[in-house]
């Protein structure tokens, strides 16, 4: 079965956990999704902007296209990413690839004017992670060889406890570490955060991608008395 492992991009999530409580949490695996195109309310021209392509790792937020020059009936423009930096430029009538977006600006019956603008919204969209094996490893540091906490969604070995769940089409990886489990009891609280990564593996091709990474601040906790 084909998987969407090629759409996964590593994103950072940090957690705070405590030894006297279960760790039931979720990590959303997301990609860039089309939030729509909006013409500026004061645009003089009535042309249109089409979003014809979107890379999975395109930055989230508003990408702003602004007409900067009129040249022999063509409108020249620049595009700014969500950070406010210019990611590329183009001209009406021709497709352009800028900042992960494939755009095409088309002239209408009324010509554009300098300053006319369009906003392209890029929002998080879930990646269907059906068929992927997910595994988590936490270490004292990124240079440490010793694994302090591990978990997997692999159900092929009945002797291995499934401590991670695969949310399938909703793209959520679920943590399911019970405080009474051997893995959680062996996860020692520490003043310094643990470094972790979450790996996604395609069992058919063997391809591995980092789906998430970050830190786990693991405390003793004082809210539960045995």
C-alpha atoms as a PDB file:
ATOM      1  CA  UNK A   1       0.000   0.000   0.000  1.00  0.00           C
ATOM      2  CA  UNK A   2       1.377   3.406  -0.981  1.00  0.00           C
ATOM      3  CA  UNK A   3       1.923   5.866   1.868  1.00  0.00           C
ATOM      4  CA  UNK A   4       2.293   9.638   2.129  1.00  0.00           C
ATOM      5  CA  UNK A   5       5.740   9.512   3.699  1.00  0.00           C
ATOM      6  CA  UNK A   6       7.046  11.903   1.041  1.00  0.00           C
ATOM      7  CA  UNK A   7       4.728  14.622   2.375  1.00  0.00           C
ATOM      8  CA  UNK A   8       6.155  14.519   5.903  1.00  0.00           C
ATOM      9  CA  UNK A   9       8.328  17.416   7.027  1.00  0.00           C
ATOM     10  CA  UNK A  10       9.973  17.534  10.463  1.00  0.00           C
ATOM     11  CA  UNK A  11       8.352  20.062  12.820  1.00  0.00           C
ATOM     12  CA  UNK A  12       9.168  20.919  16.423  1.00  0.00           C
ATOM     13  CA  UNK A  13       6.920  20.108  19.404  1.00  0.00           C
ATOM     14  CA  UNK A  14       8.050  20.425  23.031  1.00  0.00           C
ATOM     15  CA  UNK A  15       6.360  18.648  25.947  1.00  0.00           C
ATOM     16  CA  UNK A  16       6.238  18.791  29.736  1.00  0.00           C
ATOM     17  CA  UNK A  17       5.401  15.482  31.422  1.00  0.00           C
ATOM     18  CA  UNK A  18       5.479  14.125  34.967  1.00  0.00           C
ATOM     19  CA  UNK A  19       6.316  10.699  36.317  1.00  0.00           C
ATOM     20  CA  UNK A  20       3.164  10.321  38.436  1.00  0.00           C
ATOM     21  CA  UNK A  21       0.764  10.833  35.522  1.00  0.00           C
ATOM     22  CA  UNK A  22       0.007   9.017  32.270  1.00  0.00           C
ATOM     23  CA  UNK A  23       1.306  10.627  29.098  1.00  0.00           C
ATOM     24  CA  UNK A  24      -1.600  10.758  26.683  1.00  0.00           C
ATOM     25  CA  UNK A  25      -0.901  13.401  24.098  1.00  0.00           C
ATOM     26  CA  UNK A  26      -0.979  13.997  20.369  1.00  0.00           C
ATOM     27  CA  UNK A  27       1.443  15.233  17.743  1.00  0.00           C
ATOM     28  CA  UNK A  28      -0.255  16.553  14.588  1.00  0.00           C
ATOM     29  CA  UNK A  29       1.577  15.659  11.385  1.00  0.00           C
ATOM     30  CA  UNK A  30       0.751  18.475   9.001  1.00  0.00           C
ATOM     31  CA  UNK A  31       1.687  19.893   5.628  1.00  0.00           C
ATOM     32  CA  UNK A  32       0.924  23.175   3.892  1.00  0.00           C
ATOM     33  CA  UNK A  33      -2.693  23.429   2.739  1.00  0.00           C
ATOM     34  CA  UNK A  34      -4.513  25.894   0.490  1.00  0.00           C
ATOM     35  CA  UNK A  35      -6.352  28.454   2.603  1.00  0.00           C
ATOM     36  CA  UNK A  36      -7.537  30.454  -0.408  1.00  0.00           C
ATOM     37  CA  UNK A  37      -6.699  33.551  -2.460  1.00  0.00           C
ATOM     38  CA  UNK A  38      -8.115  36.978  -1.629  1.00  0.00           C
ATOM     39  CA  UNK A  39      -7.927  40.065  -3.850  1.00  0.00           C
ATOM     40  CA  UNK A  40      -7.138  43.394  -2.207  1.00  0.00           C
ATOM     41  CA  UNK A  41     -10.329  45.353  -1.444  1.00  0.00           C
ATOM     42  CA  UNK A  42      -8.999  48.495  -3.154  1.00  0.00           C
ATOM     43  CA  UNK A  43      -7.638  46.814  -6.294  1.00  0.00           C
ATOM     44  CA  UNK A  44      -8.168  48.854  -9.469  1.00  0.00           C
ATOM     45  CA  UNK A  45      -7.821  45.851 -11.780  1.00  0.00           C
ATOM     46  CA  UNK A  46     -10.295  42.983 -11.912  1.00  0.00           C
ATOM     47  CA  UNK A  47      -7.869  40.243 -12.904  1.00  0.00           C
ATOM     48  CA  UNK A  48      -7.429  37.037 -10.913  1.00  0.00           C
ATOM     49  CA  UNK A  49      -4.660  35.140  -9.183  1.00  0.00           C
ATOM     50  CA  UNK A  50      -4.618  31.332  -9.351  1.00  0.00           C
ATOM     51  CA  UNK A  51      -2.731  29.068  -6.934  1.00  0.00           C
ATOM     52  CA  UNK A  52      -1.795  26.078  -9.103  1.00  0.00           C
ATOM     53  CA  UNK A  53       0.659  24.308  -6.800  1.00  0.00           C
ATOM     54  CA  UNK A  54       1.731  24.144  -3.174  1.00  0.00           C
ATOM     55  CA  UNK A  55       4.792  22.438  -1.682  1.00  0.00           C
ATOM     56  CA  UNK A  56       4.212  20.494   1.584  1.00  0.00           C
ATOM     57  CA  UNK A  57       6.764  22.654   3.448  1.00  0.00           C
ATOM     58  CA  UNK A  58       5.557  26.056   2.228  1.00  0.00           C
ATOM     59  CA  UNK A  59       5.564  28.449   5.230  1.00  0.00           C
ATOM     60  CA  UNK A  60       2.196  28.869   6.947  1.00  0.00           C
ATOM     61  CA  UNK A  61       0.587  32.298   6.894  1.00  0.00           C
ATOM     62  CA  UNK A  62      -0.211  35.010   4.356  1.00  0.00           C
ATOM     63  CA  UNK A  63       1.895  35.383   1.204  1.00  0.00           C
ATOM     64  CA  UNK A  64       1.349  38.822  -0.356  1.00  0.00           C
ATOM     65  CA  UNK A  65       1.593  39.529  -4.091  1.00  0.00           C
ATOM     66  CA  UNK A  66       1.893  43.230  -4.965  1.00  0.00           C
ATOM     67  CA  UNK A  67       1.905  44.885  -8.400  1.00  0.00           C
ATOM     68  CA  UNK A  68       5.075  46.994  -8.612  1.00  0.00           C
ATOM     69  CA  UNK A  69       5.255  48.104 -12.256  1.00  0.00           C
ATOM     70  CA  UNK A  70       3.208  48.240 -15.461  1.00  0.00           C
ATOM     71  CA  UNK A  71       5.183  47.443 -18.589  1.00  0.00           C
ATOM     72  CA  UNK A  72       3.665  47.281 -22.114  1.00  0.00           C
ATOM     73  CA  UNK A  73       0.346  46.007 -20.845  1.00  0.00           C
ATOM     74  CA  UNK A  74       1.906  43.518 -18.450  1.00  0.00           C
ATOM     75  CA  UNK A  75       1.859  43.773 -14.668  1.00  0.00           C
ATOM     76  CA  UNK A  76       5.095  43.052 -12.854  1.00  0.00           C
ATOM     77  CA  UNK A  77       4.864  41.976  -9.226  1.00  0.00           C
ATOM     78  CA  UNK A  78       6.767  40.747  -6.219  1.00  0.00           C
ATOM     79  CA  UNK A  79       5.719  38.198  -3.600  1.00  0.00           C
ATOM     80  CA  UNK A  80       6.461  38.458   0.122  1.00  0.00           C
ATOM     81  CA  UNK A  81       6.355  35.440   2.414  1.00  0.00           C
ATOM     82  CA  UNK A  82       4.767  35.447   5.895  1.00  0.00           C
ATOM     83  CA  UNK A  83       8.068  36.723   7.342  1.00  0.00           C
ATOM     84  CA  UNK A  84       7.818  39.876   5.218  1.00  0.00           C
ATOM     85  CA  UNK A  85      10.812  38.975   3.035  1.00  0.00           C
ATOM     86  CA  UNK A  86      10.513  38.968  -0.762  1.00  0.00           C
ATOM     87  CA  UNK A  87      10.503  35.367  -2.042  1.00  0.00           C
ATOM     88  CA  UNK A  88      10.250  36.045  -5.782  1.00  0.00           C
ATOM     89  CA  UNK A  89       8.861  38.063  -8.648  1.00  0.00           C
ATOM     90  CA  UNK A  90       6.817  37.504 -11.773  1.00  0.00           C
ATOM     91  CA  UNK A  91       4.747  38.984 -14.558  1.00  0.00           C
ATOM     92  CA  UNK A  92       1.077  38.620 -15.438  1.00  0.00           C
ATOM     93  CA  UNK A  93       0.175  35.879 -17.893  1.00  0.00           C
ATOM     94  CA  UNK A  94       3.037  33.551 -16.982  1.00  0.00           C
ATOM     95  CA  UNK A  95       3.278  30.957 -14.181  1.00  0.00           C
ATOM     96  CA  UNK A  96       5.885  31.530 -11.509  1.00  0.00           C
ATOM     97  CA  UNK A  97       7.255  29.427  -8.634  1.00  0.00           C
ATOM     98  CA  UNK A  98       7.979  31.482  -5.497  1.00  0.00           C
ATOM     99  CA  UNK A  99       8.426  30.385  -1.890  1.00  0.00           C
ATOM    100  CA  UNK A 100       6.763  27.006  -2.412  1.00  0.00           C
ATOM    101  CA  UNK A 101       3.829  28.442  -4.370  1.00  0.00           C
ATOM    102  CA  UNK A 102       3.059  28.042  -8.079  1.00  0.00           C
ATOM    103  CA  UNK A 103       1.115  31.165  -9.080  1.00  0.00           C
ATOM    104  CA  UNK A 104      -0.370  32.652 -12.215  1.00  0.00           C
ATOM    105  CA  UNK A 105      -1.709  36.210 -12.383  1.00  0.00           C
ATOM    106  CA  UNK A 106      -4.228  36.862 -15.167  1.00  0.00           C
ATOM    107  CA  UNK A 107      -5.262  40.268 -16.467  1.00  0.00           C
ATOM    108  CA  UNK A 108      -8.979  41.108 -16.475  1.00  0.00           C
ATOM    109  CA  UNK A 109     -11.052  43.525 -18.513  1.00  0.00           C
ATOM    110  CA  UNK A 110      -9.811  46.370 -16.285  1.00  0.00           C
ATOM    111  CA  UNK A 111      -6.034  46.731 -16.061  1.00  0.00           C
ATOM    112  CA  UNK A 112      -4.166  46.388 -12.803  1.00  0.00           C
ATOM    113  CA  UNK A 113      -2.592  49.417 -11.141  1.00  0.00           C
ATOM    114  CA  UNK A 114       0.616  49.706  -9.172  1.00  0.00           C
ATOM    115  CA  UNK A 115      -0.192  48.747  -5.585  1.00  0.00           C
ATOM    116  CA  UNK A 116      -2.913  46.229  -6.422  1.00  0.00           C
ATOM    117  CA  UNK A 117      -2.410  43.169  -4.247  1.00  0.00           C
ATOM    118  CA  UNK A 118      -3.520  39.615  -3.503  1.00  0.00           C
ATOM    119  CA  UNK A 119      -3.136  37.510  -0.357  1.00  0.00           C
ATOM    120  CA  UNK A 120      -2.533  33.763  -0.556  1.00  0.00           C
ATOM    121  CA  UNK A 121      -3.329  31.975   2.701  1.00  0.00           C
ATOM    122  CA  UNK A 122      -1.390  28.813   3.567  1.00  0.00           C
ATOM    123  CA  UNK A 123      -2.810  26.792   6.466  1.00  0.00           C
ATOM    124  CA  UNK A 124      -1.804  23.528   8.176  1.00  0.00           C
ATOM    125  CA  UNK A 125      -3.503  20.465   6.684  1.00  0.00           C
ATOM    126  CA  UNK A 126      -3.245  16.931   8.117  1.00  0.00           C
ATOM    127  CA  UNK A 127      -1.067  14.352   6.399  1.00  0.00           C
ATOM    128  CA  UNK A 128      -2.748  10.951   6.070  1.00  0.00           C
ATOM    129  CA  UNK A 129      -0.250   8.737   7.927  1.00  0.00           C
ATOM    130  CA  UNK A 130      -2.071   5.462   7.268  1.00  0.00           C
ATOM    131  CA  UNK A 131       0.339   2.562   6.806  1.00  0.00           C
ATOM    132  CA  UNK A 132       3.328   4.227   8.465  1.00  0.00           C
ATOM    133  CA  UNK A 133       5.147   2.792  11.491  1.00  0.00           C
ATOM    134  CA  UNK A 134       5.884   5.491  14.049  1.00  0.00           C
ATOM    135  CA  UNK A 135       8.577   5.311  16.695  1.00  0.00           C
ATOM    136  CA  UNK A 136       9.755   7.698  19.392  1.00  0.00           C
ATOM    137  CA  UNK A 137      13.108   7.822  21.145  1.00  0.00           C
ATOM    138  CA  UNK A 138      14.116  10.225  23.913  1.00  0.00           C
ATOM    139  CA  UNK A 139      17.703  10.674  25.041  1.00  0.00           C
ATOM    140  CA  UNK A 140      19.527  12.752  27.650  1.00  0.00           C
ATOM    141  CA  UNK A 141      20.995  14.728  24.744  1.00  0.00           C
ATOM    142  CA  UNK A 142      21.266  14.475  20.988  1.00  0.00           C
ATOM    143  CA  UNK A 143      24.796  13.074  21.439  1.00  0.00           C
ATOM    144  CA  UNK A 144      23.797  10.381  23.948  1.00  0.00           C
ATOM    145  CA  UNK A 145      23.798   6.755  22.833  1.00  0.00           C
ATOM    146  CA  UNK A 146      21.455   5.653  25.655  1.00  0.00           C
ATOM    147  CA  UNK A 147      17.715   5.698  25.004  1.00  0.00           C
ATOM    148  CA  UNK A 148      15.769   6.936  28.046  1.00  0.00           C
ATOM    149  CA  UNK A 149      12.291   6.399  26.594  1.00  0.00           C
ATOM    150  CA  UNK A 150      11.082   4.592  23.494  1.00  0.00           C
ATOM    151  CA  UNK A 151       7.717   3.787  21.983  1.00  0.00           C
ATOM    152  CA  UNK A 152       6.272   2.373  18.789  1.00  0.00           C
ATOM    153  CA  UNK A 153       3.044   1.962  16.832  1.00  0.00           C
ATOM    154  CA  UNK A 154       4.273  -1.310  15.302  1.00  0.00           C
ATOM    155  CA  UNK A 155       1.778  -4.083  16.012  1.00  0.00           C
ATOM    156  CA  UNK A 156       3.600  -6.838  14.073  1.00  0.00           C
ATOM    157  CA  UNK A 157       5.323  -8.129  17.225  1.00  0.00           C
ATOM    158  CA  UNK A 158       2.711  -9.169  19.833  1.00  0.00           C
ATOM    159  CA  UNK A 159       5.334  -9.097  22.604  1.00  0.00           C
ATOM    160  CA  UNK A 160       6.019  -5.370  22.091  1.00  0.00           C
ATOM    161  CA  UNK A 161       3.622  -2.990  23.861  1.00  0.00           C
ATOM    162  CA  UNK A 162       2.051  -0.482  21.494  1.00  0.00           C
ATOM    163  CA  UNK A 163       2.682   2.890  23.149  1.00  0.00           C
ATOM    164  CA  UNK A 164       2.034   5.067  20.086  1.00  0.00           C
ATOM    165  CA  UNK A 165      -1.117   5.167  17.999  1.00  0.00           C
ATOM    166  CA  UNK A 166      -1.424   5.984  14.307  1.00  0.00           C
ATOM    167  CA  UNK A 167      -4.313   8.385  13.697  1.00  0.00           C
ATOM    168  CA  UNK A 168      -4.551   7.555   9.995  1.00  0.00           C
ATOM    169  CA  UNK A 169      -6.287  10.200   7.887  1.00  0.00           C
ATOM    170  CA  UNK A 170      -6.499  12.726  10.747  1.00  0.00           C
ATOM    171  CA  UNK A 171      -2.697  12.832  10.902  1.00  0.00           C
ATOM    172  CA  UNK A 172      -2.378  12.684  14.693  1.00  0.00           C
ATOM    173  CA  UNK A 173       0.273  10.532  16.376  1.00  0.00           C
ATOM    174  CA  UNK A 174      -0.961   9.578  19.832  1.00  0.00           C
ATOM    175  CA  UNK A 175       1.211   8.980  22.893  1.00  0.00           C
ATOM    176  CA  UNK A 176      -0.084   6.229  25.185  1.00  0.00           C
ATOM    177  CA  UNK A 177       2.427   5.847  28.024  1.00  0.00           C
ATOM    178  CA  UNK A 178       0.782   4.654  31.257  1.00  0.00           C
ATOM    179  CA  UNK A 179       2.466   5.745  34.485  1.00  0.00           C
ATOM    180  CA  UNK A 180       2.537   2.126  35.696  1.00  0.00           C
ATOM    181  CA  UNK A 181       4.211   0.781  32.551  1.00  0.00           C
ATOM    182  CA  UNK A 182       7.807  -0.405  32.622  1.00  0.00           C
ATOM    183  CA  UNK A 183       8.859   2.147  29.993  1.00  0.00           C
ATOM    184  CA  UNK A 184       7.404   5.092  31.931  1.00  0.00           C
ATOM    185  CA  UNK A 185       8.831   3.926  35.280  1.00  0.00           C
ATOM    186  CA  UNK A 186      12.270   3.697  33.687  1.00  0.00           C
ATOM    187  CA  UNK A 187      11.969   7.259  32.352  1.00  0.00           C
ATOM    188  CA  UNK A 188      13.728   9.124  35.153  1.00  0.00           C
ATOM    189  CA  UNK A 189      12.727  12.735  35.923  1.00  0.00           C
ATOM    190  CA  UNK A 190      15.502  15.191  35.162  1.00  0.00           C
ATOM    191  CA  UNK A 191      16.259  18.871  35.649  1.00  0.00           C
ATOM    192  CA  UNK A 192      17.416  19.070  32.047  1.00  0.00           C
ATOM    193  CA  UNK A 193      15.008  18.341  29.175  1.00  0.00           C
ATOM    194  CA  UNK A 194      15.366  15.157  27.166  1.00  0.00           C
ATOM    195  CA  UNK A 195      15.830  15.396  23.395  1.00  0.00           C
ATOM    196  CA  UNK A 196      13.461  13.268  21.335  1.00  0.00           C
ATOM    197  CA  UNK A 197      12.577  12.544  17.763  1.00  0.00           C
ATOM    198  CA  UNK A 198       9.589  10.815  16.203  1.00  0.00           C
ATOM    199  CA  UNK A 199      10.384   8.720  13.145  1.00  0.00           C
ATOM    200  CA  UNK A 200       7.964   7.609  10.437  1.00  0.00           C
ATOM    201  CA  UNK A 201       8.879   4.463   8.478  1.00  0.00           C
ATOM    202  CA  UNK A 202       7.299   3.131   5.300  1.00  0.00           C
ATOM    203  CA  UNK A 203       7.337  -0.653   5.884  1.00  0.00           C
ATOM    204  CA  UNK A 204       7.248  -1.434   2.154  1.00  0.00           C
ATOM    205  CA  UNK A 205      10.133   0.746   0.972  1.00  0.00           C
ATOM    206  CA  UNK A 206      12.046   1.147   4.241  1.00  0.00           C
ATOM    207  CA  UNK A 207      12.111   4.932   3.784  1.00  0.00           C
ATOM    208  CA  UNK A 208      12.428   6.830   7.079  1.00  0.00           C
ATOM    209  CA  UNK A 209      11.549  10.470   7.748  1.00  0.00           C
ATOM    210  CA  UNK A 210      11.727  12.566  10.921  1.00  0.00           C
ATOM    211  CA  UNK A 211       8.111  13.568  11.587  1.00  0.00           C
ATOM    212  CA  UNK A 212       8.656  15.562  14.786  1.00  0.00           C
ATOM    213  CA  UNK A 213      11.418  16.517  17.205  1.00  0.00           C
ATOM    214  CA  UNK A 214      11.901  18.594  20.311  1.00  0.00           C
ATOM    215  CA  UNK A 215      12.310  18.241  24.049  1.00  0.00           C
ATOM    216  CA  UNK A 216      10.503  16.478  26.880  1.00  0.00           C
ATOM    217  CA  UNK A 217      10.787  18.147  30.287  1.00  0.00           C
ATOM    218  CA  UNK A 218      10.048  15.242  32.646  1.00  0.00           C
ATOM    219  CA  UNK A 219       9.210  16.148  36.282  1.00  0.00           C
ATOM    220  CA  UNK A 220       8.539  14.102  39.404  1.00  0.00           C
ATOM    221  CA  UNK A 221       5.126  15.697  39.940  1.00  0.00           C
ATOM    222  CA  UNK A 222       3.473  16.260  43.297  1.00  0.00           C
ATOM    223  CA  UNK A 223      -0.211  16.029  42.438  1.00  0.00           C
ATOM    224  CA  UNK A 224      -0.600  12.306  43.138  1.00  0.00           C
ATOM    225  CA  UNK A 225       0.065  10.562  46.456  1.00  0.00           C
ATOM    226  CA  UNK A 226       0.198   6.738  46.355  1.00  0.00           C
END
